[in-house]
Amino acid sequence: MSQVNYISHLNGVLRKFADDDNISSSHRSLYLAFFELWNQKRFPKTIMLNSKQVMALAKIRSRTTYHKLLRDLTNWGYLKYHPSTSPHMGSLVEMSRFDTQPDQKMDRTYPVSEQVPVQKLVSFNKHKSKHIINSFINTCPKNEQEVIEFFREEKRSVLEAKNFYNFYESIGWKLNGKNPITNWQACARNWMLKANEIKKELKSNSLSRWRDNLHTSKDKNYGEPL
């Protein structure tokens, strides 16, 4: 898959929105939420997404509305949606490309005196996009293998590493679905500490129930079969 041009793609899809009588403001809002997450992940062919995170970005509260808008965008060719069959894995979305046509340098429907030079606007947005992508690269793991190697160094299992990677990959490497993670290694160590606490608590509860069974006050007839 060739490199996605941020500005050309955005201009292309906005032109398509303008020509598409079916598109509503809600459709635009949902698509731009997908586009933001796609941009954060550096434009892969498919992205794994969490519906709650997408709904929060798009300001959509109703899950019924979300699925209707998503079905529309899929049917109209803006993206391809592959729902997940596992509650622990996000659904996959493949974004259609709209950066294959050259950008229009000027809109001829307005007088020249009212037109704004496109080049300056593109330059500003291009640097801003580059800054966002570089920030994302510096705070998130390159791939799943990097996470597995880190967990191995911490004497943890591969399964735990994959669970950690899939969980945060599905929510865009954000804490509580809102704030970007600034240090994924520190986040992983917190994950390990939390896992240790859960294991300790489960073990304590199991021992407590075992002791209660030994000290039960209920009379039993040991002559009866189990």
C-alpha atoms as a PDB file:
ATOM      1  CA  MET A   1       0.000   0.000   0.000  1.00  0.00           C
ATOM      2  CA  SER A   2       1.487   3.343  -1.071  1.00  0.00           C
ATOM      3  CA  GLN A   3       1.954   6.172   1.426  1.00  0.00           C
ATOM      4  CA  VAL A   4      -1.276   8.035   2.157  1.00  0.00           C
ATOM      5  CA  ASN A   5      -1.093  11.773   1.523  1.00  0.00           C
ATOM      6  CA  TYR A   6      -2.868  13.341   4.521  1.00  0.00           C
ATOM      7  CA  ILE A   7      -3.918  16.571   2.809  1.00  0.00           C
ATOM      8  CA  SER A   8      -4.774  15.065  -0.584  1.00  0.00           C
ATOM      9  CA  HIS A   9      -6.913  12.358   1.023  1.00  0.00           C
ATOM     10  CA  LEU A  10      -8.774  14.822   3.235  1.00  0.00           C
ATOM     11  CA  ASN A  11      -9.395  17.175   0.318  1.00  0.00           C
ATOM     12  CA  GLY A  12     -10.567  14.243  -1.818  1.00  0.00           C
ATOM     13  CA  VAL A  13     -13.067  12.921   0.701  1.00  0.00           C
ATOM     14  CA  LEU A  14     -14.426  16.416   1.417  1.00  0.00           C
ATOM     15  CA  ARG A  15     -15.034  16.891  -2.309  1.00  0.00           C
ATOM     16  CA  LYS A  16     -16.834  13.535  -2.373  1.00  0.00           C
ATOM     17  CA  PHE A  17     -18.963  14.606   0.606  1.00  0.00           C
ATOM     18  CA  ALA A  18     -19.946  17.764  -1.275  1.00  0.00           C
ATOM     19  CA  ASP A  19     -21.096  15.733  -4.287  1.00  0.00           C
ATOM     20  CA  ASP A  20     -22.892  13.068  -2.219  1.00  0.00           C
ATOM     21  CA  ASP A  21     -26.496  14.027  -1.394  1.00  0.00           C
ATOM     22  CA  ASN A  22     -26.771  11.091   1.035  1.00  0.00           C
ATOM     23  CA  ILE A  23     -24.097  12.404   3.394  1.00  0.00           C
ATOM     24  CA  SER A  24     -25.316  14.117   6.561  1.00  0.00           C
ATOM     25  CA  SER A  25     -23.371  15.954   9.254  1.00  0.00           C
ATOM     26  CA  SER A  26     -23.486  12.781  11.365  1.00  0.00           C
ATOM     27  CA  HIS A  27     -21.918  10.747   8.550  1.00  0.00           C
ATOM     28  CA  ARG A  28     -19.152  13.341   8.244  1.00  0.00           C
ATOM     29  CA  SER A  29     -18.540  13.327  11.988  1.00  0.00           C
ATOM     30  CA  LEU A  30     -18.233   9.527  12.117  1.00  0.00           C
ATOM     31  CA  TYR A  31     -15.961   9.355   9.070  1.00  0.00           C
ATOM     32  CA  LEU A  32     -13.638  12.038  10.478  1.00  0.00           C
ATOM     33  CA  ALA A  33     -13.425  10.100  13.754  1.00  0.00           C
ATOM     34  CA  PHE A  34     -12.268   7.047  11.768  1.00  0.00           C
ATOM     35  CA  PHE A  35      -9.851   9.246   9.815  1.00  0.00           C
ATOM     36  CA  GLU A  36      -8.334  10.681  13.013  1.00  0.00           C
ATOM     37  CA  LEU A  37      -7.639   7.196  14.403  1.00  0.00           C
ATOM     38  CA  TRP A  38      -6.342   6.025  11.009  1.00  0.00           C
ATOM     39  CA  ASN A  39      -3.942   8.976  10.985  1.00  0.00           C
ATOM     40  CA  GLN A  40      -2.758   8.184  14.532  1.00  0.00           C
ATOM     41  CA  LYS A  41      -1.893   4.628  13.457  1.00  0.00           C
ATOM     42  CA  ARG A  42       0.104   5.941  10.465  1.00  0.00           C
ATOM     43  CA  PHE A  43      -2.403   4.897   7.801  1.00  0.00           C
ATOM     44  CA  PRO A  44      -2.198   1.075   7.782  1.00  0.00           C
ATOM     45  CA  LYS A  45      -4.354  -0.898   5.359  1.00  0.00           C
ATOM     46  CA  THR A  46      -6.642  -2.014   8.196  1.00  0.00           C
ATOM     47  CA  ILE A  47      -7.079  -0.664  11.718  1.00  0.00           C
ATOM     48  CA  MET A  48      -8.453  -2.333  14.838  1.00  0.00           C
ATOM     49  CA  LEU A  49     -10.917  -0.041  16.598  1.00  0.00           C
ATOM     50  CA  ASN A  50     -13.000   0.118  19.742  1.00  0.00           C
ATOM     51  CA  SER A  51     -16.567   1.298  19.056  1.00  0.00           C
ATOM     52  CA  LYS A  52     -16.763   3.251  22.342  1.00  0.00           C
ATOM     53  CA  GLN A  53     -13.687   5.251  21.412  1.00  0.00           C
ATOM     54  CA  VAL A  54     -15.015   6.000  17.904  1.00  0.00           C
ATOM     55  CA  MET A  55     -18.446   7.025  19.262  1.00  0.00           C
ATOM     56  CA  ALA A  56     -16.800   9.380  21.770  1.00  0.00           C
ATOM     57  CA  LEU A  57     -14.748  11.068  19.025  1.00  0.00           C
ATOM     58  CA  ALA A  58     -17.763  11.370  16.721  1.00  0.00           C
ATOM     59  CA  LYS A  59     -20.020  12.629  19.564  1.00  0.00           C
ATOM     60  CA  ILE A  60     -22.479   9.791  18.938  1.00  0.00           C
ATOM     61  CA  ARG A  61     -24.308   8.464  22.007  1.00  0.00           C
ATOM     62  CA  SER A  62     -26.659   5.901  20.506  1.00  0.00           C
ATOM     63  CA  ARG A  63     -25.146   2.567  19.479  1.00  0.00           C
ATOM     64  CA  THR A  64     -28.080   2.053  17.077  1.00  0.00           C
ATOM     65  CA  THR A  65     -27.267   5.351  15.355  1.00  0.00           C
ATOM     66  CA  TYR A  66     -23.577   4.437  15.244  1.00  0.00           C
ATOM     67  CA  HIS A  67     -24.227   1.128  13.489  1.00  0.00           C
ATOM     68  CA  LYS A  68     -26.679   2.740  11.024  1.00  0.00           C
ATOM     69  CA  LEU A  69     -24.158   5.431  10.045  1.00  0.00           C
ATOM     70  CA  LEU A  70     -21.381   2.835   9.823  1.00  0.00           C
ATOM     71  CA  ARG A  71     -23.524   0.645   7.557  1.00  0.00           C
ATOM     72  CA  ASP A  72     -24.210   3.669   5.320  1.00  0.00           C
ATOM     73  CA  LEU A  73     -20.529   4.574   4.995  1.00  0.00           C
ATOM     74  CA  THR A  74     -19.754   0.952   4.145  1.00  0.00           C
ATOM     75  CA  ASN A  75     -22.511   0.674   1.518  1.00  0.00           C
ATOM     76  CA  TRP A  76     -21.473   3.974  -0.075  1.00  0.00           C
ATOM     77  CA  GLY A  77     -17.829   2.932  -0.441  1.00  0.00           C
ATOM     78  CA  TYR A  78     -16.155   5.171   2.126  1.00  0.00           C
ATOM     79  CA  LEU A  79     -14.771   2.249   4.113  1.00  0.00           C
ATOM     80  CA  LYS A  80     -15.018  -1.517   4.693  1.00  0.00           C
ATOM     81  CA  TYR A  81     -16.129  -2.794   8.093  1.00  0.00           C
ATOM     82  CA  HIS A  82     -15.224  -6.241   9.449  1.00  0.00           C
ATOM     83  CA  PRO A  83     -16.994  -6.812  12.814  1.00  0.00           C
ATOM     84  CA  SER A  84     -15.182  -8.778  15.488  1.00  0.00           C
ATOM     85  CA  THR A  85     -16.583 -12.050  16.806  1.00  0.00           C
ATOM     86  CA  SER A  86     -14.581 -11.784  20.038  1.00  0.00           C
ATOM     87  CA  PRO A  87     -15.536  -9.442  22.915  1.00  0.00           C
ATOM     88  CA  HIS A  88     -11.831  -8.986  23.668  1.00  0.00           C
ATOM     89  CA  MET A  89     -10.833  -7.869  20.166  1.00  0.00           C
ATOM     90  CA  GLY A  90     -11.763  -4.687  18.319  1.00  0.00           C
ATOM     91  CA  SER A  91     -13.415  -4.671  14.916  1.00  0.00           C
ATOM     92  CA  LEU A  92     -11.361  -4.110  11.752  1.00  0.00           C
ATOM     93  CA  VAL A  93     -11.910  -1.168   9.405  1.00  0.00           C
ATOM     94  CA  GLU A  94     -10.328  -0.679   5.984  1.00  0.00           C
ATOM     95  CA  MET A  95     -10.434   2.943   4.817  1.00  0.00           C
ATOM     96  CA  SER A  96     -10.977   3.678   1.123  1.00  0.00           C
ATOM     97  CA  ARG A  97      -8.366   5.892  -0.552  1.00  0.00           C
ATOM     98  CA  PHE A  98      -9.310   9.362  -1.823  1.00  0.00           C
ATOM     99  CA  ASP A  99      -5.814  10.799  -2.348  1.00  0.00           C
ATOM    100  CA  THR A 100      -5.271   9.344  -5.835  1.00  0.00           C
ATOM    101  CA  GLN A 101      -6.591  12.416  -7.684  1.00  0.00           C
ATOM    102  CA  PRO A 102      -4.548  15.647  -7.815  1.00  0.00           C
ATOM    103  CA  ASP A 103      -5.697  18.422  -5.488  1.00  0.00           C
ATOM    104  CA  GLN A 104      -7.503  21.352  -7.035  1.00  0.00           C
ATOM    105  CA  LYS A 105      -5.286  24.369  -6.568  1.00  0.00           C
ATOM    106  CA  MET A 106      -8.101  26.885  -6.881  1.00  0.00           C
ATOM    107  CA  ASP A 107     -11.888  26.938  -6.882  1.00  0.00           C
ATOM    108  CA  ARG A 108     -12.957  28.647 -10.127  1.00  0.00           C
ATOM    109  CA  THR A 109     -16.498  29.293  -8.837  1.00  0.00           C
ATOM    110  CA  TYR A 110     -15.253  32.253  -6.747  1.00  0.00           C
ATOM    111  CA  PRO A 111     -13.612  35.496  -7.904  1.00  0.00           C
ATOM    112  CA  VAL A 112      -9.818  35.471  -7.810  1.00  0.00           C
ATOM    113  CA  SER A 113      -9.827  38.235  -5.170  1.00  0.00           C
ATOM    114  CA  GLU A 114     -11.695  35.921  -2.720  1.00  0.00           C
ATOM    115  CA  GLN A 115      -9.455  32.892  -3.216  1.00  0.00           C
ATOM    116  CA  VAL A 116      -6.797  31.880  -0.696  1.00  0.00           C
ATOM    117  CA  PRO A 117      -3.480  30.438  -1.899  1.00  0.00           C
ATOM    118  CA  VAL A 118      -3.567  26.703  -1.233  1.00  0.00           C
ATOM    119  CA  GLN A 119       0.177  26.156  -0.853  1.00  0.00           C
ATOM    120  CA  LYS A 120       0.512  27.995   2.451  1.00  0.00           C
ATOM    121  CA  LEU A 121      -2.394  26.137   3.995  1.00  0.00           C
ATOM    122  CA  VAL A 122      -0.990  22.784   2.857  1.00  0.00           C
ATOM    123  CA  SER A 123       2.440  23.618   4.286  1.00  0.00           C
ATOM    124  CA  PHE A 124       1.021  24.420   7.740  1.00  0.00           C
ATOM    125  CA  ASN A 125      -1.158  21.337   7.931  1.00  0.00           C
ATOM    126  CA  LYS A 126       1.616  19.133   6.603  1.00  0.00           C
ATOM    127  CA  HIS A 127       3.973  20.120   9.425  1.00  0.00           C
ATOM    128  CA  LYS A 128       1.215  19.763  11.993  1.00  0.00           C
ATOM    129  CA  SER A 129       0.379  16.269  10.730  1.00  0.00           C
ATOM    130  CA  LYS A 130       4.065  15.305  10.782  1.00  0.00           C
ATOM    131  CA  HIS A 131       4.343  16.462  14.396  1.00  0.00           C
ATOM    132  CA  ILE A 132       1.326  14.363  15.422  1.00  0.00           C
ATOM    133  CA  ILE A 133       2.672  11.248  13.683  1.00  0.00           C
ATOM    134  CA  ASN A 134       6.167  11.668  15.178  1.00  0.00           C
ATOM    135  CA  SER A 135       4.705  12.089  18.660  1.00  0.00           C
ATOM    136  CA  PHE A 136       2.695   8.895  18.205  1.00  0.00           C
ATOM    137  CA  ILE A 137       5.784   6.965  17.034  1.00  0.00           C
ATOM    138  CA  ASN A 138       7.790   8.061  20.088  1.00  0.00           C
ATOM    139  CA  THR A 139       5.185   7.021  22.673  1.00  0.00           C
ATOM    140  CA  CYS A 140       3.842   3.745  21.257  1.00  0.00           C
ATOM    141  CA  PRO A 141       5.495   0.407  20.422  1.00  0.00           C
ATOM    142  CA  LYS A 142       6.473  -0.228  16.814  1.00  0.00           C
ATOM    143  CA  ASN A 143       4.659  -3.560  16.704  1.00  0.00           C
ATOM    144  CA  GLU A 144       3.487  -6.515  18.774  1.00  0.00           C
ATOM    145  CA  GLN A 145       6.919  -8.175  18.714  1.00  0.00           C
ATOM    146  CA  GLU A 146       8.485  -5.210  20.517  1.00  0.00           C
ATOM    147  CA  VAL A 147       5.919  -5.594  23.305  1.00  0.00           C
ATOM    148  CA  ILE A 148       6.544  -9.357  23.526  1.00  0.00           C
ATOM    149  CA  GLU A 149      10.302  -8.788  23.895  1.00  0.00           C
ATOM    150  CA  PHE A 150       9.724  -6.206  26.631  1.00  0.00           C
ATOM    151  CA  PHE A 151       7.444  -8.565  28.569  1.00  0.00           C
ATOM    152  CA  ARG A 152      10.009 -11.371  28.229  1.00  0.00           C
ATOM    153  CA  GLU A 153      12.656  -9.114  29.767  1.00  0.00           C
ATOM    154  CA  GLU A 154      10.265  -8.598  32.675  1.00  0.00           C
ATOM    155  CA  LYS A 155       9.838 -12.397  33.010  1.00  0.00           C
ATOM    156  CA  ARG A 156       6.220 -12.284  31.831  1.00  0.00           C
ATOM    157  CA  SER A 157       4.336 -14.550  29.441  1.00  0.00           C
ATOM    158  CA  VAL A 158       3.837 -14.022  25.712  1.00  0.00           C
ATOM    159  CA  LEU A 159       0.072 -14.339  26.203  1.00  0.00           C
ATOM    160  CA  GLU A 160       0.059 -11.449  28.674  1.00  0.00           C
ATOM    161  CA  ALA A 161       2.106  -9.346  26.238  1.00  0.00           C
ATOM    162  CA  LYS A 162      -0.377 -10.019  23.429  1.00  0.00           C
ATOM    163  CA  ASN A 163      -3.332  -9.180  25.680  1.00  0.00           C
ATOM    164  CA  PHE A 164      -1.683  -5.874  26.610  1.00  0.00           C
ATOM    165  CA  TYR A 165      -0.866  -4.995  22.989  1.00  0.00           C
ATOM    166  CA  ASN A 166      -4.306  -5.905  21.601  1.00  0.00           C
ATOM    167  CA  PHE A 167      -6.120  -3.991  24.330  1.00  0.00           C
ATOM    168  CA  TYR A 168      -4.259  -0.707  23.862  1.00  0.00           C
ATOM    169  CA  GLU A 169      -4.035  -1.086  20.071  1.00  0.00           C
ATOM    170  CA  SER A 170      -7.847  -1.323  19.957  1.00  0.00           C
ATOM    171  CA  ILE A 171      -8.270   1.978  21.858  1.00  0.00           C
ATOM    172  CA  GLY A 172      -5.590   3.956  20.028  1.00  0.00           C
ATOM    173  CA  TRP A 173      -2.988   3.835  22.819  1.00  0.00           C
ATOM    174  CA  LYS A 174      -4.911   6.185  25.076  1.00  0.00           C
ATOM    175  CA  LEU A 175      -5.630   6.073  28.795  1.00  0.00           C
ATOM    176  CA  ASN A 176      -9.351   5.796  29.491  1.00  0.00           C
ATOM    177  CA  GLY A 177      -9.868   6.330  25.760  1.00  0.00           C
ATOM    178  CA  LYS A 178      -8.975  10.035  26.079  1.00  0.00           C
ATOM    179  CA  ASN A 179      -5.384  10.928  26.996  1.00  0.00           C
ATOM    180  CA  PRO A 180      -2.552   9.666  24.747  1.00  0.00           C
ATOM    181  CA  ILE A 181      -0.050   7.360  26.460  1.00  0.00           C
ATOM    182  CA  THR A 182       3.297   9.142  26.892  1.00  0.00           C
ATOM    183  CA  ASN A 183       5.330   6.080  27.938  1.00  0.00           C
ATOM    184  CA  TRP A 184       4.046   2.662  26.908  1.00  0.00           C
ATOM    185  CA  GLN A 185       6.727   0.805  28.923  1.00  0.00           C
ATOM    186  CA  ALA A 186       5.573   2.471  32.145  1.00  0.00           C
ATOM    187  CA  CYS A 187       1.992   1.654  31.176  1.00  0.00           C
ATOM    188  CA  ALA A 188       3.014  -1.991  30.666  1.00  0.00           C
ATOM    189  CA  ARG A 189       4.636  -2.131  34.116  1.00  0.00           C
ATOM    190  CA  ASN A 190       1.431  -0.779  35.661  1.00  0.00           C
ATOM    191  CA  TRP A 191      -0.456  -3.497  33.761  1.00  0.00           C
ATOM    192  CA  MET A 192       1.857  -6.124  35.300  1.00  0.00           C
ATOM    193  CA  LEU A 193       1.431  -4.711  38.821  1.00  0.00           C
ATOM    194  CA  LYS A 194      -2.334  -4.729  38.416  1.00  0.00           C
ATOM    195  CA  ALA A 195      -2.226  -8.322  37.146  1.00  0.00           C
ATOM    196  CA  ASN A 196      -0.177  -9.329  40.200  1.00  0.00           C
ATOM    197  CA  GLU A 197      -2.702  -7.676  42.515  1.00  0.00           C
ATOM    198  CA  ILE A 198      -5.597  -9.491  40.830  1.00  0.00           C
ATOM    199  CA  LYS A 199      -3.802 -12.855  41.101  1.00  0.00           C
ATOM    200  CA  LYS A 200      -3.024 -12.205  44.785  1.00  0.00           C
ATOM    201  CA  GLU A 201      -6.629 -11.232  45.487  1.00  0.00           C
ATOM    202  CA  LEU A 202      -7.998 -14.309  43.701  1.00  0.00           C
ATOM    203  CA  LYS A 203      -5.614 -16.557  45.618  1.00  0.00           C
ATOM    204  CA  SER A 204      -6.609 -14.942  48.927  1.00  0.00           C
ATOM    205  CA  ASN A 205     -10.323 -15.355  48.187  1.00  0.00           C
ATOM    206  CA  SER A 206      -9.784 -19.002  47.221  1.00  0.00           C
ATOM    207  CA  LEU A 207      -7.948 -19.749  50.489  1.00  0.00           C
ATOM    208  CA  SER A 208     -10.625 -17.943  52.470  1.00  0.00           C
ATOM    209  CA  ARG A 209     -13.402 -20.057  50.925  1.00  0.00           C
ATOM    210  CA  TRP A 210     -11.365 -23.227  51.584  1.00  0.00           C
ATOM    211  CA  ARG A 211     -10.989 -22.335  55.280  1.00  0.00           C
ATOM    212  CA  ASP A 212     -14.701 -21.554  55.560  1.00  0.00           C
ATOM    213  CA  ASN A 213     -15.532 -24.984  54.174  1.00  0.00           C
ATOM    214  CA  LEU A 214     -13.269 -26.634  56.779  1.00  0.00           C
ATOM    215  CA  HIS A 215     -14.881 -24.729  59.662  1.00  0.00           C
ATOM    216  CA  THR A 216     -18.485 -25.112  58.597  1.00  0.00           C
ATOM    217  CA  SER A 217     -21.008 -25.520  61.422  1.00  0.00           C
ATOM    218  CA  LYS A 218     -23.488 -27.460  59.324  1.00  0.00           C
ATOM    219  CA  ASP A 219     -24.112 -31.031  60.477  1.00  0.00           C
ATOM    220  CA  LYS A 220     -23.260 -33.612  57.846  1.00  0.00           C
ATOM    221  CA  ASN A 221     -24.258 -37.223  57.449  1.00  0.00           C
ATOM    222  CA  TYR A 222     -21.091 -38.932  56.321  1.00  0.00           C
ATOM    223  CA  GLY A 223     -23.032 -42.160  55.772  1.00  0.00           C
ATOM    224  CA  GLU A 224     -24.725 -40.619  52.704  1.00  0.00           C
ATOM    225  CA  PRO A 225     -23.006 -40.955  49.355  1.00  0.00           C
ATOM    226  CA  LEU A 226     -21.562 -37.743  47.830  1.00  0.00           C
END
